[in-house]
Amino acid sequence: METSALFTDFYELTMAQGYWKENMNDKVVFDMFFRKNPFNGGFSILAGNETLMDVITQFHFSQDDIDFLSEQKIFEKGFLDYLKDFHFTGDLYTMDEGSVVFPQEPLVRIHANLIEAQILEGLVLNHINFQSLIASKTARIYLASKKAPIMEFGLRRAQGPDGAMSASRAAFIGGAAGTSNTLAGKAFGIPVMGTMAHSWIMSHNSELEAFRQYAKIYPENTVFLIDTYDTLHSGIQNAITVGKELAEKGQSFGVRLDSGDISYLSREVRKLLDQAGFKNAKISVSNELTEEIISTLTASNAPIDSWGVGTNMVTGGTESSFTGVYKLAARFNAQSNMMQPTMKFSENPAKMTNPGVKNVWRLYDENGMAGADILALENEEILSGKEYRYYHTMVDYRQFVFTASRVEPLLKKRIENGKRTRPRESDSNQLKLSRATMERQLKSFDESYQRILNPHIYKVSLSENLKDLKKLFIEANIR
C-alpha cells in the first residue's frame, strides 16, 4: 500500500507551502461528497474508505521524498523541514464501507489543520472515487443477475496493477462472489475462481481430449468451455460425453458459454443437458456482459446459473470516473474563537456546496424501509417519532414532511488525533463486513430505487437549520 505523502497533486504542496509561509494553519473541516450517481443509477456504493484510513494513518515524507521536493527548486528549506515530521494528526469521520450512498452526502469528513487537510485531498479522492465506481457498477450487475454468483475476471482489462487490485476489492464489496485475480485473493481473502481458456482446448488434438484431460486433473471442479469450435454440434456434445464418464465416478460438471447468442444458446444447451440426464449441471456465461444485457437475460428467464464479468465491471464501462469532490466546509475564526461555515458558489447551482459541519441521517418508515437521507448541522439531532419538514438541496420550494420510525446517523468518527478509534480488522474480515453492509442496506431500499433503467429518485434533503444557513450565504452573496 502506497504510504508516501507525495501521493498528492503538486498544487496541494504549493498551497501547503503558501499556508505555512503565511502562518495559516488553523483547524478546518473538509467534506468529500459526489455530485451524481454513475450509470444513470438510483444509488451508489461507498468503497475505498477503509484502504484510505490505512494510508492516512501511515503516510509520511521519507528523506527521498524530501530530496525530490528540494530538487524542484520551489520549496523553502524551512517548509521541507516541516514536512520531515509530517503526519496526520486530525480526525476523520466516514460512513461504513459498503453503505448505500447518494449525491451531496458527505461520505468522509476531515477535521485537521489546514495543511494536513489540503495535502490529503488527492489521497481521499483517489481511494474513494475509483473503488466506489467499481462497487456501484458491480452492485448493479449483482442486482441485474437477481443476486446470482458473479465472477470478476477483469484483471487483464483493468487500469494497471493498482487498478486491478482495487477493482477486485471493490467488486467483492459490490456483490461479486469471487475473482480470477489470484493476488487479490491472497491479499484480501477473496475467493479465487477460474477454469480454462480456449487455448487449453486448442492445445490438444481434439476438444474431446481436452475435456477428458481437464476432468482427469480437476474432477471436483470441472467446467467445460464449449464454444471453441461449435457450441451445439461439438462443444456440448463432448461435454456430455465426458460428463457421463464423470457421473460414473459420482462427480458432476458445468459448462461455460463465451460467445454467440447467449439467450438462444443457453436454452439449447439446457435442453441437451436435461435430455442427457444432467438437470443439475450448471451453465455459466461470459463475453462483454453488462448489467443491461444481464437484466434482459434474467427477465426472459434464460437458464443461466452464474455470470463472468470482466471489462465492464472493473473499468466502469460507460463511465470512467466517480464524481467525488473535496470541499472546504468550515474553518476556524480566531475573532469568534469558533468554527465558521464556508460555502463555494458557482454559476452552476449543482456545484454550490452546503455550508458548515454536517452529518447525514437516514430516516426509516414503520416498515423499516429507508424513506429519505437528511443533511443536518453537526449540533442538530433528528429524532424518531417527531414530524420535521425537510428541504431540497438546491430548490427551496421543494420540501416534504416526514415522521421517522427510526433514525440513524451515518457519519462516524473512525480516526481521532491521527489514530484509528477501534482496532483495524484483517483485510479478509473487513471485506466481509463491507459486503454485509451492502447487502443489509440494499434490503432497506425499495426496489424502485434499484432499477437498472429509470430508477426512482431517492430523497436527499436539508434540515431547516441547514437550509436557513445556506440561504443566508446565498442572500449575502447576491448583495
Protein backbone atom coordinates (compact mmCIF):
# COMPACT_ATOMS: atom_id res chain seq x y z
CA MET A 1 0.00 0.00 0.00
CA GLU A 2 1.42 3.41 -1.00
CA THR A 3 2.18 5.44 2.12
CA SER A 4 4.33 8.25 0.73
CA ALA A 5 2.75 11.65 1.25
CA LEU A 6 3.96 12.52 -2.25
CA PHE A 7 0.83 10.72 -3.43
CA THR A 8 -0.93 14.05 -3.82
CA ASP A 9 -1.36 16.65 -6.55
CA PHE A 10 1.59 19.03 -6.77
CA TYR A 11 -0.59 22.08 -6.24
CA GLU A 12 -1.58 20.76 -2.84
CA LEU A 13 2.07 21.10 -1.83
CA THR A 14 2.50 24.55 -3.34
CA MET A 15 -0.63 25.70 -1.48
CA ALA A 16 0.62 24.00 1.69
CA GLN A 17 3.86 25.97 1.49
CA GLY A 18 1.82 29.13 0.99
CA TYR A 19 -0.22 28.40 4.12
CA TRP A 20 2.99 27.67 6.02
CA LYS A 21 4.62 30.95 4.94
CA GLU A 22 1.52 32.95 5.85
CA ASN A 23 1.12 31.09 9.14
CA MET A 24 -2.33 29.90 8.03
CA ASN A 25 -2.72 26.54 9.68
CA ASP A 26 -5.83 26.75 11.82
CA LYS A 27 -8.40 23.99 12.12
CA VAL A 28 -10.63 23.33 9.12
CA VAL A 29 -13.27 20.84 8.03
CA PHE A 30 -13.40 19.35 4.54
CA ASP A 31 -16.22 17.24 3.08
CA MET A 32 -15.76 14.57 0.44
CA PHE A 33 -19.01 14.04 -1.48
CA PHE A 34 -20.13 13.29 -5.03
CA ARG A 35 -22.47 15.10 -7.39
CA LYS A 36 -24.35 12.40 -9.32
CA ASN A 37 -24.91 8.65 -9.29
CA PRO A 38 -22.91 6.90 -12.02
CA PHE A 39 -24.54 4.90 -14.84
CA ASN A 40 -27.79 6.91 -14.51
CA GLY A 41 -28.44 4.76 -11.47
CA GLY A 42 -30.56 5.33 -8.39
CA PHE A 43 -27.84 4.75 -5.79
CA SER A 44 -24.10 4.27 -5.26
CA ILE A 45 -22.00 2.05 -3.00
CA LEU A 46 -19.24 3.55 -0.86
CA ALA A 47 -15.91 1.71 -1.09
CA GLY A 48 -12.27 2.56 -0.54
CA ASN A 49 -12.60 4.42 2.76
CA GLU A 50 -11.07 1.51 4.68
CA THR A 51 -7.95 1.43 2.49
CA LEU A 52 -7.88 5.23 2.72
CA MET A 53 -7.69 5.05 6.52
CA ASP A 54 -4.84 2.55 6.30
CA VAL A 55 -2.82 5.02 4.25
CA ILE A 56 -3.78 8.15 6.21
CA THR A 57 -2.58 6.63 9.48
CA GLN A 58 0.78 5.66 7.92
CA PHE A 59 1.72 8.15 5.24
CA HIS A 60 4.73 10.42 5.66
CA PHE A 61 7.52 12.08 3.71
CA SER A 62 10.64 9.94 3.53
CA GLN A 63 14.09 11.52 3.13
CA ASP A 64 13.97 10.54 -0.55
CA ASP A 65 10.65 12.38 -0.83
CA ILE A 66 12.14 15.48 0.77
CA ASP A 67 15.15 15.29 -1.55
CA PHE A 68 12.84 15.07 -4.57
CA LEU A 69 10.89 18.12 -3.46
CA SER A 70 14.11 20.01 -2.85
CA GLU A 71 15.17 19.29 -6.43
CA GLN A 72 12.07 21.10 -7.71
CA LYS A 73 13.66 24.41 -6.62
CA ILE A 74 10.33 25.77 -5.43
CA PHE A 75 10.16 24.78 -1.76
CA GLU A 76 11.99 26.55 1.06
CA LYS A 77 14.21 24.63 3.45
CA GLY A 78 12.03 25.61 6.41
CA PHE A 79 8.95 24.13 4.77
CA LEU A 80 10.82 20.96 3.84
CA ASP A 81 11.98 20.65 7.46
CA TYR A 82 8.33 20.96 8.49
CA LEU A 83 7.43 18.10 6.12
CA LYS A 84 10.10 15.80 7.57
CA ASP A 85 7.97 15.27 10.68
CA PHE A 86 4.65 15.49 8.85
CA HIS A 87 1.89 13.02 9.68
CA PHE A 88 -1.88 13.22 10.02
CA THR A 89 -2.95 14.35 13.49
CA GLY A 90 -6.60 15.14 12.82
CA ASP A 91 -9.94 13.36 12.93
CA LEU A 92 -11.79 11.52 10.19
CA TYR A 93 -15.50 10.71 10.06
CA THR A 94 -16.90 8.37 7.47
CA MET A 95 -19.85 6.13 6.71
CA ASP A 96 -19.43 2.36 6.91
CA GLU A 97 -17.75 0.92 3.85
CA GLY A 98 -20.37 -0.78 1.68
CA SER A 99 -23.01 1.83 2.56
CA VAL A 100 -25.68 2.79 0.04
CA VAL A 101 -25.00 6.48 -0.62
CA PHE A 102 -26.37 9.36 -2.65
CA PRO A 103 -25.24 12.65 -4.21
CA GLN A 104 -24.46 15.65 -1.96
CA GLU A 105 -23.90 13.50 1.14
CA PRO A 106 -20.54 13.83 2.92
CA LEU A 107 -19.01 10.36 2.66
CA VAL A 108 -15.88 11.46 4.50
CA ARG A 109 -15.42 14.45 6.79
CA ILE A 110 -11.90 15.56 7.69
CA HIS A 111 -11.14 17.69 10.78
CA ALA A 112 -7.49 18.78 10.74
CA ASN A 113 -5.22 21.75 10.43
CA LEU A 114 -5.31 23.38 7.00
CA ILE A 115 -2.02 22.00 5.69
CA GLU A 116 -2.80 18.41 6.67
CA ALA A 117 -6.31 18.57 5.25
CA GLN A 118 -5.10 20.12 2.00
CA ILE A 119 -2.39 17.52 1.38
CA LEU A 120 -4.96 14.75 1.91
CA GLU A 121 -7.22 15.84 -0.97
CA GLY A 122 -5.75 13.70 -3.76
CA LEU A 123 -5.40 10.69 -1.49
CA VAL A 124 -9.03 10.84 -0.35
CA LEU A 125 -10.43 11.22 -3.86
CA ASN A 126 -8.17 8.59 -5.41
CA HIS A 127 -9.12 5.87 -2.95
CA ILE A 128 -12.86 6.54 -2.81
CA ASN A 129 -13.69 7.62 -6.35
CA PHE A 130 -12.40 4.55 -8.17
CA GLN A 131 -13.44 1.91 -5.67
CA SER A 132 -16.91 3.45 -5.26
CA LEU A 133 -17.33 3.49 -9.03
CA ILE A 134 -16.49 -0.22 -9.30
CA ALA A 135 -18.53 -1.22 -6.24
CA SER A 136 -21.53 0.67 -7.63
CA LYS A 137 -21.14 -0.95 -11.05
CA THR A 138 -20.85 -4.41 -9.50
CA ALA A 139 -23.91 -3.86 -7.32
CA ARG A 140 -25.92 -3.05 -10.45
CA ILE A 141 -24.66 -6.22 -12.12
CA TYR A 142 -25.40 -8.20 -8.97
CA LEU A 143 -28.97 -6.91 -8.84
CA ALA A 144 -29.45 -7.45 -12.58
CA SER A 145 -28.44 -11.10 -12.13
CA LYS A 146 -31.01 -11.43 -9.32
CA LYS A 147 -28.09 -11.95 -6.92
CA ALA A 148 -26.71 -14.96 -8.74
CA PRO A 149 -22.99 -15.85 -8.40
CA ILE A 150 -20.79 -13.43 -10.33
CA MET A 151 -17.11 -13.97 -11.03
CA GLU A 152 -14.99 -10.87 -11.56
CA PHE A 153 -12.26 -11.58 -14.08
CA GLY A 154 -11.19 -8.20 -15.34
CA LEU A 155 -7.50 -8.26 -14.38
CA ARG A 156 -6.31 -8.19 -17.98
CA ARG A 157 -8.53 -5.21 -18.86
CA ALA A 158 -8.05 -3.20 -15.66
CA GLN A 159 -6.20 0.11 -15.49
CA GLY A 160 -2.81 -1.23 -14.48
CA PRO A 161 -1.80 -3.38 -11.49
CA ASP A 162 -3.13 -0.92 -8.89
CA GLY A 163 -6.41 -0.65 -10.76
CA ALA A 164 -6.76 -4.42 -10.97
CA MET A 165 -6.21 -4.89 -7.23
CA SER A 166 -8.54 -2.05 -6.23
CA ALA A 167 -11.17 -3.23 -8.70
CA SER A 168 -11.13 -6.80 -7.35
CA ARG A 169 -11.54 -5.47 -3.82
CA ALA A 170 -14.35 -3.09 -4.72
CA ALA A 171 -16.15 -5.66 -6.88
CA PHE A 172 -16.34 -8.06 -3.96
CA ILE A 173 -17.89 -5.33 -1.80
CA GLY A 174 -20.40 -4.66 -4.59
CA GLY A 175 -21.54 -8.26 -4.89
CA ALA A 176 -19.02 -10.36 -6.85
CA ALA A 177 -18.72 -13.90 -5.48
CA GLY A 178 -15.06 -14.21 -6.38
CA THR A 179 -12.21 -13.07 -8.60
CA SER A 180 -9.80 -14.50 -11.14
CA ASN A 181 -7.13 -12.17 -9.71
CA THR A 182 -5.03 -14.58 -7.68
CA LEU A 183 -3.03 -11.86 -5.92
CA ALA A 184 -6.25 -10.14 -4.84
CA GLY A 185 -7.39 -13.47 -3.45
CA LYS A 186 -4.27 -13.67 -1.34
CA ALA A 187 -4.21 -10.01 -0.30
CA PHE A 188 -7.89 -9.60 0.53
CA GLY A 189 -9.18 -13.10 1.21
CA ILE A 190 -11.49 -13.04 -1.82
CA PRO A 191 -12.44 -16.48 -3.20
CA VAL A 192 -10.45 -17.16 -6.37
CA MET A 193 -12.20 -18.75 -9.32
CA GLY A 194 -11.38 -19.92 -12.83
CA THR A 195 -11.24 -23.00 -15.00
CA MET A 196 -9.97 -23.00 -18.61
CA ALA A 197 -9.49 -20.75 -21.63
CA HIS A 198 -9.90 -21.58 -25.32
CA SER A 199 -6.14 -22.09 -25.55
CA TRP A 200 -6.43 -25.22 -23.37
CA ILE A 201 -8.77 -26.82 -25.88
CA MET A 202 -6.79 -25.63 -28.92
CA SER A 203 -3.58 -27.04 -27.39
CA HIS A 204 -4.95 -30.60 -27.51
CA ASN A 205 -5.51 -32.83 -30.50
CA SER A 206 -9.28 -32.64 -30.07
CA GLU A 207 -11.92 -30.94 -28.00
CA LEU A 208 -12.93 -34.28 -26.51
CA GLU A 209 -9.37 -34.99 -25.43
CA ALA A 210 -9.07 -31.52 -23.90
CA PHE A 211 -12.23 -32.06 -21.86
CA ARG A 212 -11.15 -35.54 -20.74
CA GLN A 213 -7.73 -34.34 -19.61
CA TYR A 214 -9.18 -31.43 -17.69
CA ALA A 215 -11.75 -33.65 -15.99
CA LYS A 216 -8.97 -36.07 -15.07
CA ILE A 217 -6.89 -33.32 -13.44
CA TYR A 218 -9.76 -31.40 -11.81
CA PRO A 219 -12.62 -33.86 -11.28
CA GLU A 220 -14.09 -31.82 -8.42
CA ASN A 221 -14.08 -28.54 -10.34
CA THR A 222 -14.91 -29.35 -13.93
CA VAL A 223 -16.42 -26.61 -16.07
CA PHE A 224 -16.13 -27.12 -19.82
CA LEU A 225 -15.76 -24.12 -22.15
CA ILE A 226 -17.94 -25.30 -25.02
CA ASP A 227 -17.79 -22.57 -27.69
CA THR A 228 -14.23 -23.02 -29.08
CA TYR A 229 -15.40 -24.68 -32.31
CA ASP A 230 -19.16 -25.23 -32.44
CA THR A 231 -21.22 -24.88 -29.28
CA LEU A 232 -24.20 -27.09 -30.16
CA HIS A 233 -22.70 -29.62 -32.57
CA SER A 234 -19.36 -30.14 -30.86
CA GLY A 235 -18.84 -28.42 -27.52
CA ILE A 236 -21.94 -29.50 -25.62
CA GLN A 237 -21.83 -32.96 -27.19
CA ASN A 238 -18.27 -33.56 -25.97
CA ALA A 239 -19.11 -32.06 -22.58
CA ILE A 240 -21.97 -34.54 -22.20
CA THR A 241 -19.73 -37.44 -23.24
CA VAL A 242 -17.13 -36.59 -20.59
CA GLY A 243 -19.91 -35.68 -18.17
CA LYS A 244 -21.23 -39.24 -18.38
CA GLU A 245 -17.77 -40.55 -17.58
CA LEU A 246 -17.63 -38.24 -14.55
CA ALA A 247 -21.11 -39.32 -13.46
CA GLU A 248 -19.97 -42.95 -13.32
CA LYS A 249 -17.49 -41.82 -10.65
CA GLY A 250 -20.13 -39.82 -8.80
CA GLN A 251 -18.83 -36.46 -9.99
CA SER A 252 -20.62 -33.53 -11.63
CA PHE A 253 -19.71 -30.81 -14.11
CA GLY A 254 -20.78 -27.50 -15.60
CA VAL A 255 -20.37 -25.65 -18.90
CA ARG A 256 -19.49 -22.10 -19.91
CA LEU A 257 -20.54 -20.05 -22.92
CA ASP A 258 -18.27 -17.22 -24.01
CA SER A 259 -19.67 -16.17 -27.39
CA GLY A 260 -22.68 -16.19 -29.65
CA ASP A 261 -26.33 -15.55 -28.87
CA ILE A 262 -26.27 -16.23 -25.14
CA SER A 263 -30.05 -16.35 -24.80
CA TYR A 264 -30.56 -18.86 -27.61
CA LEU A 265 -27.50 -20.97 -26.83
CA SER A 266 -28.17 -21.20 -23.09
CA ARG A 267 -31.69 -22.50 -23.77
CA GLU A 268 -30.50 -25.08 -26.31
CA VAL A 269 -27.67 -26.19 -24.06
CA ARG A 270 -30.08 -26.55 -21.14
CA LYS A 271 -32.35 -28.74 -23.25
CA LEU A 272 -29.48 -31.00 -24.28
CA LEU A 273 -28.16 -31.27 -20.72
CA ASP A 274 -31.61 -32.13 -19.38
CA GLN A 275 -32.22 -34.69 -22.11
CA ALA A 276 -28.91 -36.34 -21.22
CA GLY A 277 -29.96 -36.53 -17.58
CA PHE A 278 -27.81 -33.68 -16.29
CA LYS A 279 -30.50 -31.46 -14.82
CA ASN A 280 -28.10 -30.28 -12.10
CA ALA A 281 -25.31 -29.27 -14.49
CA LYS A 282 -24.76 -25.51 -14.21
CA ILE A 283 -24.48 -23.06 -17.09
CA SER A 284 -22.12 -20.12 -16.74
CA VAL A 285 -21.82 -17.33 -19.31
CA SER A 286 -19.38 -14.53 -20.09
CA ASN A 287 -18.49 -12.28 -23.10
CA GLU A 288 -18.56 -8.49 -22.55
CA LEU A 289 -21.57 -8.65 -20.25
CA THR A 290 -23.19 -5.52 -18.84
CA GLU A 291 -25.98 -5.06 -16.32
CA GLU A 292 -28.35 -4.19 -19.17
CA ILE A 293 -27.57 -7.42 -21.02
CA ILE A 294 -27.82 -9.48 -17.83
CA SER A 295 -31.10 -7.80 -16.88
CA THR A 296 -32.56 -8.66 -20.29
CA LEU A 297 -31.45 -12.27 -19.99
CA THR A 298 -32.81 -12.74 -16.47
CA ALA A 299 -36.08 -11.04 -17.40
CA SER A 300 -36.52 -13.57 -20.22
CA ASN A 301 -35.73 -16.43 -17.81
CA ALA A 302 -32.66 -17.56 -19.72
CA PRO A 303 -31.39 -20.70 -17.90
CA ILE A 304 -28.12 -19.18 -16.66
CA ASP A 305 -26.75 -20.05 -13.23
CA SER A 306 -23.69 -17.80 -12.94
CA TRP A 307 -22.00 -14.93 -14.71
CA GLY A 308 -18.44 -14.00 -15.56
CA VAL A 309 -17.92 -10.27 -15.96
CA GLY A 310 -14.63 -8.57 -16.74
CA THR A 311 -14.18 -5.38 -18.73
CA ASN A 312 -17.43 -3.64 -17.93
CA MET A 313 -17.09 -4.36 -14.22
CA VAL A 314 -13.51 -3.37 -13.48
CA THR A 315 -13.26 -0.34 -15.78
CA GLY A 316 -16.62 1.25 -15.01
CA GLY A 317 -17.85 0.51 -18.52
CA THR A 318 -19.72 3.53 -19.83
CA GLU A 319 -18.41 5.86 -17.10
CA SER A 320 -14.75 6.40 -16.43
CA SER A 321 -14.96 8.09 -13.04
CA PHE A 322 -16.97 8.73 -9.91
CA THR A 323 -17.85 12.40 -9.43
CA GLY A 324 -16.38 12.78 -5.95
CA VAL A 325 -15.06 16.18 -4.86
CA TYR A 326 -13.35 17.53 -1.73
CA LYS A 327 -14.52 20.92 -0.49
CA LEU A 328 -13.89 23.20 2.47
CA ALA A 329 -16.97 23.24 4.72
CA ALA A 330 -15.76 25.23 7.74
CA ARG A 331 -12.67 26.99 9.10
CA PHE A 332 -11.61 28.36 12.46
CA ASN A 333 -12.36 32.05 13.05
CA ALA A 334 -9.87 33.49 15.53
CA GLN A 335 -12.05 36.52 16.27
CA SER A 336 -15.06 34.46 17.36
CA ASN A 337 -12.94 31.53 18.56
CA MET A 338 -15.37 29.26 16.71
CA MET A 339 -15.59 27.23 13.53
CA GLN A 340 -17.06 29.38 10.77
CA PRO A 341 -19.11 27.75 7.97
CA THR A 342 -17.86 28.24 4.42
CA MET A 343 -19.63 27.79 1.11
CA LYS A 344 -18.49 27.52 -2.50
CA PHE A 345 -20.57 29.44 -5.05
CA SER A 346 -20.93 28.76 -8.75
CA GLU A 347 -22.97 29.92 -11.72
CA ASN A 348 -23.97 26.27 -11.90
CA PRO A 349 -26.22 25.64 -8.84
CA ALA A 350 -25.27 21.96 -8.84
CA LYS A 351 -21.70 22.97 -7.98
CA MET A 352 -22.63 25.07 -4.97
CA THR A 353 -21.75 23.38 -1.69
CA ASN A 354 -23.68 23.01 1.55
CA PRO A 355 -22.01 25.04 4.31
CA GLY A 356 -20.96 24.02 7.78
CA VAL A 357 -20.05 20.88 9.68
CA LYS A 358 -22.70 18.31 8.81
CA ASN A 359 -23.87 14.80 9.50
CA VAL A 360 -26.14 12.61 7.38
CA TRP A 361 -29.21 10.99 8.91
CA ARG A 362 -31.14 8.12 7.35
CA LEU A 363 -34.85 8.08 8.10
CA TYR A 364 -36.81 4.82 8.13
CA ASP A 365 -40.56 4.31 7.94
CA GLU A 366 -42.69 1.98 10.06
CA ASN A 367 -41.78 -0.95 7.78
CA GLY A 368 -38.05 -0.44 8.27
CA MET A 369 -37.59 0.92 4.75
CA ALA A 370 -35.39 3.95 4.06
CA GLY A 371 -37.52 7.00 3.28
CA ALA A 372 -35.00 9.83 2.99
CA ASP A 373 -31.48 10.94 3.88
CA ILE A 374 -31.13 14.28 5.65
CA LEU A 375 -28.12 16.59 5.78
CA ALA A 376 -28.16 18.40 9.11
CA LEU A 377 -25.73 20.57 11.05
CA GLU A 378 -23.49 18.71 13.46
CA ASN A 379 -25.18 20.11 16.57
CA GLU A 380 -28.65 19.03 15.36
CA GLU A 381 -30.30 15.80 16.37
CA ILE A 382 -33.02 14.27 14.25
CA LEU A 383 -35.47 12.41 16.49
CA SER A 384 -37.67 9.45 15.62
CA GLY A 385 -41.40 9.89 16.13
CA LYS A 386 -41.23 13.63 15.54
CA GLU A 387 -42.53 15.41 12.45
CA TYR A 388 -39.98 17.53 10.57
CA ARG A 389 -40.05 19.50 7.35
CA TYR A 390 -37.12 18.90 5.00
CA TYR A 391 -35.90 20.91 2.02
CA HIS A 392 -34.44 20.14 -1.40
CA THR A 393 -30.67 20.63 -1.59
CA MET A 394 -30.93 23.12 -4.47
CA VAL A 395 -34.59 24.09 -4.97
CA ASP A 396 -36.03 25.81 -1.89
CA TYR A 397 -39.71 25.42 -2.80
CA ARG A 398 -39.43 21.62 -2.97
CA GLN A 399 -39.98 20.25 0.50
CA PHE A 400 -41.72 17.44 2.34
CA VAL A 401 -42.82 16.42 5.82
CA PHE A 402 -41.74 13.11 7.32
CA THR A 403 -42.05 11.38 10.68
CA ALA A 404 -39.42 8.67 11.00
CA SER A 405 -40.00 5.49 12.97
CA ARG A 406 -36.24 5.09 13.23
CA VAL A 407 -33.30 7.38 12.51
CA GLU A 408 -29.63 6.59 12.01
CA PRO A 409 -26.67 8.99 11.88
CA LEU A 410 -24.37 7.73 9.13
CA LEU A 411 -21.06 9.52 9.73
CA LYS A 412 -18.95 8.00 12.50
CA LYS A 413 -15.58 9.05 13.91
CA ARG A 414 -13.07 6.48 12.71
CA ILE A 415 -9.78 8.34 13.22
CA GLU A 416 -9.08 10.59 16.21
CA ASN A 417 -5.83 12.52 16.62
CA GLY A 418 -4.35 10.56 13.74
CA LYS A 419 -5.16 7.10 15.13
CA ARG A 420 -8.00 4.68 14.45
CA THR A 421 -10.73 4.74 17.07
CA ARG A 422 -11.01 0.95 17.00
CA PRO A 423 -8.64 -1.88 16.09
CA ARG A 424 -8.18 -2.48 12.40
CA GLU A 425 -9.88 -5.60 11.02
CA SER A 426 -7.92 -8.01 8.86
CA ASP A 427 -8.35 -7.38 5.13
CA SER A 428 -10.47 -10.51 4.80
CA ASN A 429 -12.74 -9.69 7.74
CA GLN A 430 -13.11 -6.08 6.65
CA LEU A 431 -14.20 -7.07 3.16
CA LYS A 432 -16.78 -9.45 4.59
CA LEU A 433 -18.12 -6.69 6.85
CA SER A 434 -18.25 -4.21 3.95
CA ARG A 435 -20.00 -6.75 1.74
CA ALA A 436 -22.51 -7.48 4.53
CA THR A 437 -23.19 -3.74 4.91
CA MET A 438 -24.00 -3.51 1.20
CA GLU A 439 -26.35 -6.49 1.36
CA ARG A 440 -28.11 -5.30 4.52
CA GLN A 441 -28.59 -1.72 3.38
CA LEU A 442 -29.85 -2.60 -0.09
CA LYS A 443 -32.61 -4.65 1.55
CA SER A 444 -33.88 -1.48 3.25
CA PHE A 445 -34.43 0.33 -0.07
CA ASP A 446 -37.49 -0.16 -2.21
CA GLU A 447 -36.82 -1.95 -5.50
CA SER A 448 -37.84 1.18 -7.40
CA TYR A 449 -34.55 2.83 -6.34
CA GLN A 450 -32.60 -0.23 -7.52
CA ARG A 451 -33.99 -0.43 -11.06
CA ILE A 452 -31.34 -0.65 -13.77
CA LEU A 453 -33.34 1.68 -16.04
CA ASN A 454 -35.19 4.81 -14.92
CA PRO A 455 -34.82 4.32 -11.16
CA HIS A 456 -36.92 6.29 -8.71
CA ILE A 457 -35.03 9.28 -7.28
CA TYR A 458 -34.31 8.89 -3.57
CA LYS A 459 -34.83 11.99 -1.43
CA VAL A 460 -31.68 13.67 -0.08
CA SER A 461 -32.73 16.86 1.67
CA LEU A 462 -31.62 19.55 4.11
CA SER A 463 -32.79 20.16 7.63
CA GLU A 464 -34.50 23.51 8.19
CA ASN A 465 -31.47 24.88 10.06
CA LEU A 466 -29.06 23.93 7.27
CA LYS A 467 -31.45 25.31 4.65
CA ASP A 468 -31.61 28.61 6.54
CA LEU A 469 -27.82 28.79 6.86
CA LYS A 470 -27.38 28.14 3.15
CA LYS A 471 -29.99 30.77 2.36
CA LEU A 472 -28.07 33.36 4.43
CA PHE A 473 -24.92 32.66 2.43
CA ILE A 474 -26.79 32.95 -0.87
CA GLU A 475 -28.51 36.20 0.09
CA ALA A 476 -25.23 37.70 1.30
CA ASN A 477 -23.56 36.73 -1.96
CA ILE A 478 -26.36 38.28 -4.05
CA ARG A 479 -25.89 41.63 -2.33
